[in-house]
């Protein structure tokens, strides 16, 4: 099935070429109508070919549909960078002109490559009746961050006065990952939440005897400080430290396209509490929510930092907003480390989850009645 989805997704190129060579298809409202019609047709196609053996997971259709749009996004990015031509000329003018910004181009590369691979992997797992919850949460975090920054940046940035009808299609791509995230968070986890002796042993160790966790806590605290600094810069704080950072390190934060500023505010108001929660989760044993939220946030931060770093380095970003040459490697290294920290925390939680499990009382221990001890279903392997 994933092979069929892969091949059918590239039929999007034919749709783009037909629209690019037909003037009647290039009016703003016609583009919106064709976009809706194509999405409906793609859904009906997958619905009909799976009628004999319908997937039990409705997200299959979401992933298959979005594979189609991934090809469109990748084509858009490649055409704006001059690698290909003849597919998106009309859309650049009358569809969504803000896709030509450096941030949006990098966002489209991420969607066309990273998300496309994730969709194929999750479709394969759904087809084979295998679990994909962790992959799904990573995707949901990535696409939620992608679309929330993208939509808000359009409205708040310099393209707010150039919104065309096709803009409203973006809300579908925000609604679906939100719905997917809610669905995946409420599903049973892929592994048990209760551990035995190993979990009990891991949770008796103080932070000082867990050097990896100690390093991660320090890195998380540094990431929190970095988040606050850039958030205050985005809020136009008059603090001297903010003025120095903006003028001498990351002037891209004030790019009038709006995306960098919106992203910093997202990280300040949503990312900062999560980073603080992860510090708590590394200090307090038994936080079973760590596996889900670290995965979700890892997807979000990688997508954001990919678009942010790539946008600040892209040729379409004007010189005054690029990273100064004398601090280039310092700023780049700080941004890469900032993206890596949540990923390292997620890998730590998933590779050695004992500290984050509930402890199953052993026979003879107090804490559970005898009848409940006998009914305990999960035992550590």
Protein backbone atom coordinates (compact mmCIF):
# COMPACT_ATOMS: atom_id res chain seq x y z
CA UNK A 1 0.00 0.00 0.00
CA UNK A 2 2.80 2.44 0.84
CA UNK A 3 4.24 1.91 -2.66
CA UNK A 4 0.89 2.81 -4.23
CA UNK A 5 0.63 5.91 -2.03
CA UNK A 6 4.18 6.90 -3.00
CA UNK A 7 3.50 6.59 -6.72
CA UNK A 8 0.07 8.23 -6.62
CA UNK A 9 1.40 11.19 -4.63
CA UNK A 10 3.54 12.21 -7.58
CA UNK A 11 0.42 12.66 -9.70
CA UNK A 12 0.36 16.03 -7.91
CA UNK A 13 2.99 17.13 -10.43
CA UNK A 14 0.53 16.55 -13.25
CA UNK A 15 -2.13 18.62 -11.47
CA UNK A 16 0.33 21.49 -10.94
CA UNK A 17 1.51 21.39 -14.54
CA UNK A 18 -2.07 21.43 -15.86
CA UNK A 19 -2.95 24.42 -13.67
CA UNK A 20 0.26 26.23 -14.62
CA UNK A 21 -0.50 25.94 -18.33
CA UNK A 22 -4.22 26.78 -18.12
CA UNK A 23 -4.94 30.49 -17.46
CA UNK A 24 -8.54 29.75 -16.43
CA UNK A 25 -7.24 27.75 -13.46
CA UNK A 26 -5.10 30.59 -12.11
CA UNK A 27 -7.75 32.86 -10.59
CA UNK A 28 -7.56 33.08 -6.76
CA UNK A 29 -11.00 31.57 -6.05
CA UNK A 30 -10.57 28.96 -8.77
CA UNK A 31 -7.32 27.85 -7.11
CA UNK A 32 -9.19 27.40 -3.81
CA UNK A 33 -11.96 25.43 -5.50
CA UNK A 34 -9.51 23.20 -7.36
CA UNK A 35 -7.53 22.64 -4.15
CA UNK A 36 -10.63 21.47 -2.30
CA UNK A 37 -11.73 19.32 -5.25
CA UNK A 38 -8.33 17.65 -5.53
CA UNK A 39 -8.27 16.83 -1.81
CA UNK A 40 -11.74 15.30 -2.06
CA UNK A 41 -10.78 13.27 -5.14
CA UNK A 42 -7.61 11.98 -3.46
CA UNK A 43 -9.62 10.93 -0.40
CA UNK A 44 -12.20 9.13 -2.57
CA UNK A 45 -9.43 7.37 -4.47
CA UNK A 46 -7.93 5.89 -1.31
CA UNK A 47 -11.34 5.13 0.12
CA UNK A 48 -12.34 3.14 -2.97
CA UNK A 49 -9.13 1.15 -3.30
CA UNK A 50 -9.29 0.09 0.37
CA UNK A 51 -12.96 -0.90 0.45
CA UNK A 52 -12.11 -4.59 0.24
CA UNK A 53 -9.83 -4.39 3.26
CA UNK A 54 -10.53 -1.04 4.93
CA UNK A 55 -7.93 0.24 7.41
CA UNK A 56 -9.15 0.28 10.98
CA UNK A 57 -7.37 3.57 11.65
CA UNK A 58 -8.90 6.71 10.14
CA UNK A 59 -5.49 8.40 10.27
CA UNK A 60 -4.51 6.20 7.32
CA UNK A 61 -6.53 8.50 5.07
CA UNK A 62 -4.98 11.59 6.65
CA UNK A 63 -1.47 10.29 6.02
CA UNK A 64 -2.28 9.20 2.47
CA UNK A 65 -3.88 12.56 1.69
CA UNK A 66 -0.97 14.51 3.12
CA UNK A 67 1.53 12.48 1.10
CA UNK A 68 -0.07 14.08 -1.94
CA UNK A 69 0.37 17.58 -0.54
CA UNK A 70 3.97 16.85 0.49
CA UNK A 71 4.90 16.53 -3.17
CA UNK A 72 3.30 19.93 -3.84
CA UNK A 73 5.29 21.53 -1.01
CA UNK A 74 8.56 19.99 -2.19
CA UNK A 75 7.85 21.16 -5.73
CA UNK A 76 7.18 24.66 -4.43
CA UNK A 77 10.48 24.81 -2.54
CA UNK A 78 12.47 23.44 -5.47
CA UNK A 79 10.92 25.93 -7.86
CA UNK A 80 11.51 28.92 -5.59
CA UNK A 81 15.16 27.86 -5.32
CA UNK A 82 15.42 27.64 -9.11
CA UNK A 83 16.10 23.90 -9.21
CA UNK A 84 13.00 23.15 -11.32
CA UNK A 85 10.53 25.32 -13.21
CA UNK A 86 7.18 25.23 -14.96
CA UNK A 87 5.00 23.93 -12.12
CA UNK A 88 4.32 26.70 -9.61
CA UNK A 89 4.60 30.03 -11.45
CA UNK A 90 0.88 30.72 -11.15
CA UNK A 91 0.74 29.76 -7.48
CA UNK A 92 3.60 32.08 -6.61
CA UNK A 93 1.59 35.01 -7.92
CA UNK A 94 -2.09 34.31 -7.22
CA UNK A 95 -2.04 31.44 -4.72
CA UNK A 96 0.18 31.91 -1.68
CA UNK A 97 2.95 34.47 -2.33
CA UNK A 98 4.34 34.10 1.20
CA UNK A 99 5.61 30.62 0.24
CA UNK A 100 8.51 32.44 -1.38
CA UNK A 101 9.94 33.57 1.95
CA UNK A 102 13.08 31.86 3.23
CA UNK A 103 11.30 30.42 6.27
CA UNK A 104 8.42 29.01 4.19
CA UNK A 105 10.81 27.46 1.66
CA UNK A 106 12.64 25.59 4.41
CA UNK A 107 9.29 24.61 5.91
CA UNK A 108 8.23 23.16 2.55
CA UNK A 109 11.48 21.17 2.31
CA UNK A 110 10.77 19.68 5.74
CA UNK A 111 7.22 18.80 4.77
CA UNK A 112 8.21 17.40 1.40
CA UNK A 113 10.99 15.20 2.76
CA UNK A 114 10.72 14.52 6.52
CA UNK A 115 6.94 14.41 6.73
CA UNK A 116 6.68 12.43 3.51
CA UNK A 117 8.97 9.73 4.92
CA UNK A 118 7.01 9.69 8.19
CA UNK A 119 3.73 9.26 6.32
CA UNK A 120 5.04 6.30 4.34
CA UNK A 121 6.39 4.67 7.50
CA UNK A 122 3.11 5.12 9.37
CA UNK A 123 1.04 3.91 6.40
CA UNK A 124 3.23 0.81 6.26
CA UNK A 125 2.68 0.16 9.96
CA UNK A 126 -1.08 0.68 9.71
CA UNK A 127 -1.25 -1.70 6.73
CA UNK A 128 0.74 -4.34 8.64
CA UNK A 129 -1.38 -3.80 11.81
CA UNK A 130 1.66 -2.63 13.76
CA UNK A 131 1.86 0.14 16.35
CA UNK A 132 3.05 3.56 15.25
CA UNK A 133 2.11 5.68 18.25
CA UNK A 134 5.60 7.07 18.88
CA UNK A 135 6.10 7.97 15.22
CA UNK A 136 2.64 9.50 15.20
CA UNK A 137 3.32 11.73 18.19
CA UNK A 138 6.58 12.92 16.62
CA UNK A 139 4.68 13.76 13.41
CA UNK A 140 1.87 15.49 15.31
CA UNK A 141 4.32 17.68 17.19
CA UNK A 142 6.19 18.54 14.03
CA UNK A 143 3.14 19.44 11.94
CA UNK A 144 1.35 21.28 14.78
CA UNK A 145 4.40 23.51 15.24
CA UNK A 146 4.80 23.86 11.49
CA UNK A 147 1.28 25.05 10.78
CA UNK A 148 0.70 27.12 13.92
CA UNK A 149 3.82 29.20 13.25
CA UNK A 150 3.08 29.36 9.51
CA UNK A 151 -0.52 30.54 9.81
CA UNK A 152 0.17 33.02 12.62
CA UNK A 153 3.24 34.34 10.81
CA UNK A 154 1.23 35.01 7.67
CA UNK A 155 -1.36 37.04 9.55
CA UNK A 156 1.11 38.88 11.81
CA UNK A 157 3.87 39.47 9.24
CA UNK A 158 4.19 41.67 6.21
CA UNK A 159 2.06 39.29 4.11
CA UNK A 160 -0.98 39.84 6.30
CA UNK A 161 -2.40 42.22 3.70
CA UNK A 162 -1.86 39.73 0.85
CA UNK A 163 -3.99 36.84 2.05
CA UNK A 164 -5.64 35.03 -0.85
CA UNK A 165 -8.47 32.43 -0.78
CA UNK A 166 -5.99 29.51 -0.89
CA UNK A 167 -4.77 30.61 2.56
CA UNK A 168 -7.83 29.03 4.20
CA UNK A 169 -6.75 25.55 3.11
CA UNK A 170 -3.96 25.79 5.67
CA UNK A 171 -6.42 25.43 8.52
CA UNK A 172 -7.14 21.87 7.39
CA UNK A 173 -3.45 21.07 7.80
CA UNK A 174 -3.54 22.52 11.31
CA UNK A 175 -6.75 20.78 12.34
CA UNK A 176 -5.64 17.31 11.26
CA UNK A 177 -2.44 17.08 13.34
CA UNK A 178 -4.29 18.50 16.36
CA UNK A 179 -6.96 15.84 15.93
CA UNK A 180 -4.27 13.22 15.36
CA UNK A 181 -2.40 14.30 18.50
CA UNK A 182 -5.54 14.06 20.63
CA UNK A 183 -6.28 10.62 19.18
CA UNK A 184 -2.75 9.32 19.73
CA UNK A 185 -2.41 10.72 23.25
CA UNK A 186 -5.59 8.92 24.31
CA UNK A 187 -4.56 5.55 22.89
CA UNK A 188 -2.87 2.92 25.07
CA UNK A 189 0.90 3.18 25.06
CA UNK A 190 3.06 0.80 23.07
CA UNK A 191 4.75 -0.50 26.21
CA UNK A 192 3.59 -1.15 29.81
CA UNK A 193 3.54 1.72 32.28
CA UNK A 194 4.43 -0.45 35.26
CA UNK A 195 7.88 -1.77 36.11
CA UNK A 196 9.28 -4.14 38.68
CA UNK A 197 12.64 -4.51 40.40
CA UNK A 198 14.71 -2.63 37.80
CA UNK A 199 12.32 0.32 37.91
CA UNK A 200 12.41 0.34 41.71
CA UNK A 201 16.22 0.28 41.67
CA UNK A 202 16.44 3.10 39.10
CA UNK A 203 14.07 5.31 41.04
CA UNK A 204 16.03 5.05 44.29
CA UNK A 205 19.09 6.67 42.66
CA UNK A 206 19.61 10.37 43.33
CA UNK A 207 20.32 12.71 40.44
CA UNK A 208 23.98 12.96 41.38
CA UNK A 209 24.37 9.23 40.66
CA UNK A 210 22.69 9.59 37.26
CA UNK A 211 25.30 11.63 35.35
CA UNK A 212 23.43 11.52 32.03
CA UNK A 213 20.25 12.85 33.62
CA UNK A 214 22.28 15.50 35.46
CA UNK A 215 23.76 16.72 32.16
CA UNK A 216 20.31 16.75 30.57
CA UNK A 217 18.90 18.81 33.45
CA UNK A 218 21.69 21.36 33.02
CA UNK A 219 21.08 21.48 29.26
CA UNK A 220 17.34 21.87 29.78
CA UNK A 221 17.92 24.78 32.16
CA UNK A 222 20.21 26.39 29.57
CA UNK A 223 17.55 25.83 26.90
CA UNK A 224 14.99 27.50 29.16
CA UNK A 225 17.25 30.53 29.57
CA UNK A 226 17.79 30.69 25.80
CA UNK A 227 14.03 30.45 25.24
CA UNK A 228 13.36 33.31 27.65
CA UNK A 229 16.03 35.51 26.07
CA UNK A 230 14.75 35.07 22.53
CA UNK A 231 11.15 35.36 23.67
CA UNK A 232 11.90 38.71 25.30
CA UNK A 233 13.66 39.83 22.12
CA UNK A 234 10.53 38.92 20.14
CA UNK A 235 8.48 40.97 22.62
CA UNK A 236 10.73 44.00 21.97
CA UNK A 237 12.05 44.07 25.52
CA UNK A 238 14.13 47.17 26.30
CA UNK A 239 16.63 45.10 28.33
CA UNK A 240 20.21 45.69 27.24
CA UNK A 241 20.88 41.96 26.88
CA UNK A 242 17.99 41.66 24.42
CA UNK A 243 19.20 44.62 22.38
CA UNK A 244 22.71 43.23 22.19
CA UNK A 245 21.52 39.76 21.21
CA UNK A 246 19.23 41.14 18.50
CA UNK A 247 21.77 43.47 16.94
CA UNK A 248 24.92 41.37 17.30
CA UNK A 249 23.75 37.75 17.18
CA UNK A 250 20.34 37.03 15.63
CA UNK A 251 18.89 40.02 13.76
CA UNK A 252 16.80 37.45 11.86
CA UNK A 253 14.38 37.49 14.82
CA UNK A 254 13.10 40.85 13.58
CA UNK A 255 12.68 39.84 9.94
CA UNK A 256 9.44 41.55 8.80
CA UNK A 257 8.09 38.28 7.34
CA UNK A 258 7.02 37.55 10.93
CA UNK A 259 7.79 33.83 11.17
CA UNK A 260 10.91 34.04 13.40
CA UNK A 261 9.17 36.35 15.86
CA UNK A 262 6.06 34.17 16.01
CA UNK A 263 8.17 31.06 16.51
CA UNK A 264 10.01 32.62 19.46
CA UNK A 265 6.68 33.53 21.07
CA UNK A 266 5.39 29.98 20.53
CA UNK A 267 8.49 28.60 22.23
CA UNK A 268 8.21 31.11 25.08
CA UNK A 269 4.56 30.42 25.88
CA UNK A 270 4.34 26.72 25.00
CA UNK A 271 7.88 25.36 24.82
CA UNK A 272 9.16 26.90 28.04
CA UNK A 273 6.58 25.19 30.29
CA UNK A 274 7.36 21.86 28.63
CA UNK A 275 11.10 22.28 29.13
CA UNK A 276 10.43 23.00 32.80
CA UNK A 277 8.18 19.95 33.02
CA UNK A 278 10.96 17.78 31.58
CA UNK A 279 13.32 18.98 34.31
CA UNK A 280 10.70 17.95 36.86
CA UNK A 281 10.29 14.59 35.10
CA UNK A 282 14.02 13.90 35.38
CA UNK A 283 13.95 14.72 39.08
CA UNK A 284 10.68 13.10 40.13
CA UNK A 285 10.43 9.33 39.51
CA UNK A 286 7.35 7.75 37.99
CA UNK A 287 6.35 10.50 35.53
CA UNK A 288 4.77 8.22 32.93
CA UNK A 289 3.80 11.18 30.73
CA UNK A 290 7.44 11.87 29.87
CA UNK A 291 7.60 9.36 27.01
CA UNK A 292 4.70 10.97 25.12
CA UNK A 293 5.44 14.64 25.68
CA UNK A 294 9.18 14.41 25.03
CA UNK A 295 8.42 12.72 21.70
CA UNK A 296 5.80 15.31 20.76
CA UNK A 297 8.05 18.23 21.68
CA UNK A 298 11.07 16.70 19.93
CA UNK A 299 9.10 16.69 16.67
CA UNK A 300 8.02 20.29 17.22
CA UNK A 301 11.46 21.67 18.07
CA UNK A 302 13.25 19.93 15.22
CA UNK A 303 10.79 21.31 12.69
CA UNK A 304 10.96 24.81 14.17
CA UNK A 305 14.73 24.92 14.37
CA UNK A 306 15.15 23.45 10.86
CA UNK A 307 13.00 26.22 9.41
CA UNK A 308 14.53 28.90 11.64
CA UNK A 309 18.17 28.00 11.00
CA UNK A 310 17.59 27.34 7.31
CA UNK A 311 15.60 30.55 6.91
CA UNK A 312 18.32 32.65 8.54
CA UNK A 313 20.93 31.20 6.16
CA UNK A 314 18.82 31.19 2.98
CA UNK A 315 19.77 33.61 0.18
CA UNK A 316 16.24 35.05 0.17
CA UNK A 317 16.84 36.49 3.63
CA UNK A 318 18.21 40.00 3.13
CA UNK A 319 21.70 40.79 4.43
CA UNK A 320 20.68 42.95 7.43
CA UNK A 321 18.79 40.01 8.94
CA UNK A 322 21.44 37.33 8.45
CA UNK A 323 23.76 36.05 11.18
CA UNK A 324 26.85 38.30 11.42
CA UNK A 325 30.00 36.58 10.17
CA UNK A 326 32.01 37.06 13.35
CA UNK A 327 29.47 35.13 15.49
CA UNK A 328 28.22 32.75 12.79
CA UNK A 329 29.46 29.50 14.33
CA UNK A 330 28.47 30.56 17.85
CA UNK A 331 24.87 31.27 16.85
CA UNK A 332 24.66 28.21 14.63
CA UNK A 333 26.03 25.97 17.37
CA UNK A 334 23.62 27.41 19.95
CA UNK A 335 20.64 26.81 17.65
CA UNK A 336 21.73 23.27 16.81
CA UNK A 337 22.24 22.43 20.48
CA UNK A 338 18.86 23.96 21.30
CA UNK A 339 17.25 21.62 18.76
CA UNK A 340 19.23 18.61 20.01
CA UNK A 341 18.42 18.89 23.74
CA UNK A 342 14.72 17.85 23.56
CA UNK A 343 15.66 15.05 21.17
CA UNK A 344 18.30 13.77 23.58
CA UNK A 345 15.76 13.84 26.41
CA UNK A 346 13.26 11.87 24.30
CA UNK A 347 15.91 9.30 23.38
CA UNK A 348 16.91 9.00 27.03
CA UNK A 349 13.32 8.38 28.13
CA UNK A 350 12.65 5.75 25.47
CA UNK A 351 15.97 3.93 25.67
CA UNK A 352 15.89 3.44 29.45
CA UNK A 353 12.34 4.04 30.70
CA UNK A 354 12.60 2.48 34.18
CA UNK A 355 12.85 5.81 36.02
CA UNK A 356 9.59 6.95 34.38
CA UNK A 357 7.45 3.89 35.17
CA UNK A 358 5.10 3.21 38.02
CA UNK A 359 6.44 0.57 40.36
CA UNK A 360 4.52 -2.68 40.66
CA UNK A 361 4.43 -3.79 44.31
CA UNK A 362 5.96 -7.18 44.93
CA UNK A 363 4.16 -9.88 46.91
CA UNK A 364 4.28 -9.04 50.57
CA UNK A 365 4.82 -5.30 49.99
CA UNK A 366 2.34 -2.84 51.41
CA UNK A 367 0.53 -0.44 49.14
CA UNK A 368 -1.89 -2.78 47.38
CA UNK A 369 -4.43 -5.16 48.79
CA UNK A 370 -3.66 -8.85 48.19
CA UNK A 371 -6.47 -9.10 45.66
CA UNK A 372 -4.98 -6.22 43.65
CA UNK A 373 -1.51 -7.74 43.85
CA UNK A 374 -2.85 -10.90 42.25
CA UNK A 375 -4.60 -8.91 39.54
CA UNK A 376 -1.48 -7.01 38.49
CA UNK A 377 -1.17 -7.82 34.79
CA UNK A 378 2.07 -6.14 33.77
CA UNK A 379 5.39 -7.61 34.84
CA UNK A 380 8.78 -6.37 33.81
CA UNK A 381 10.46 -8.54 31.19
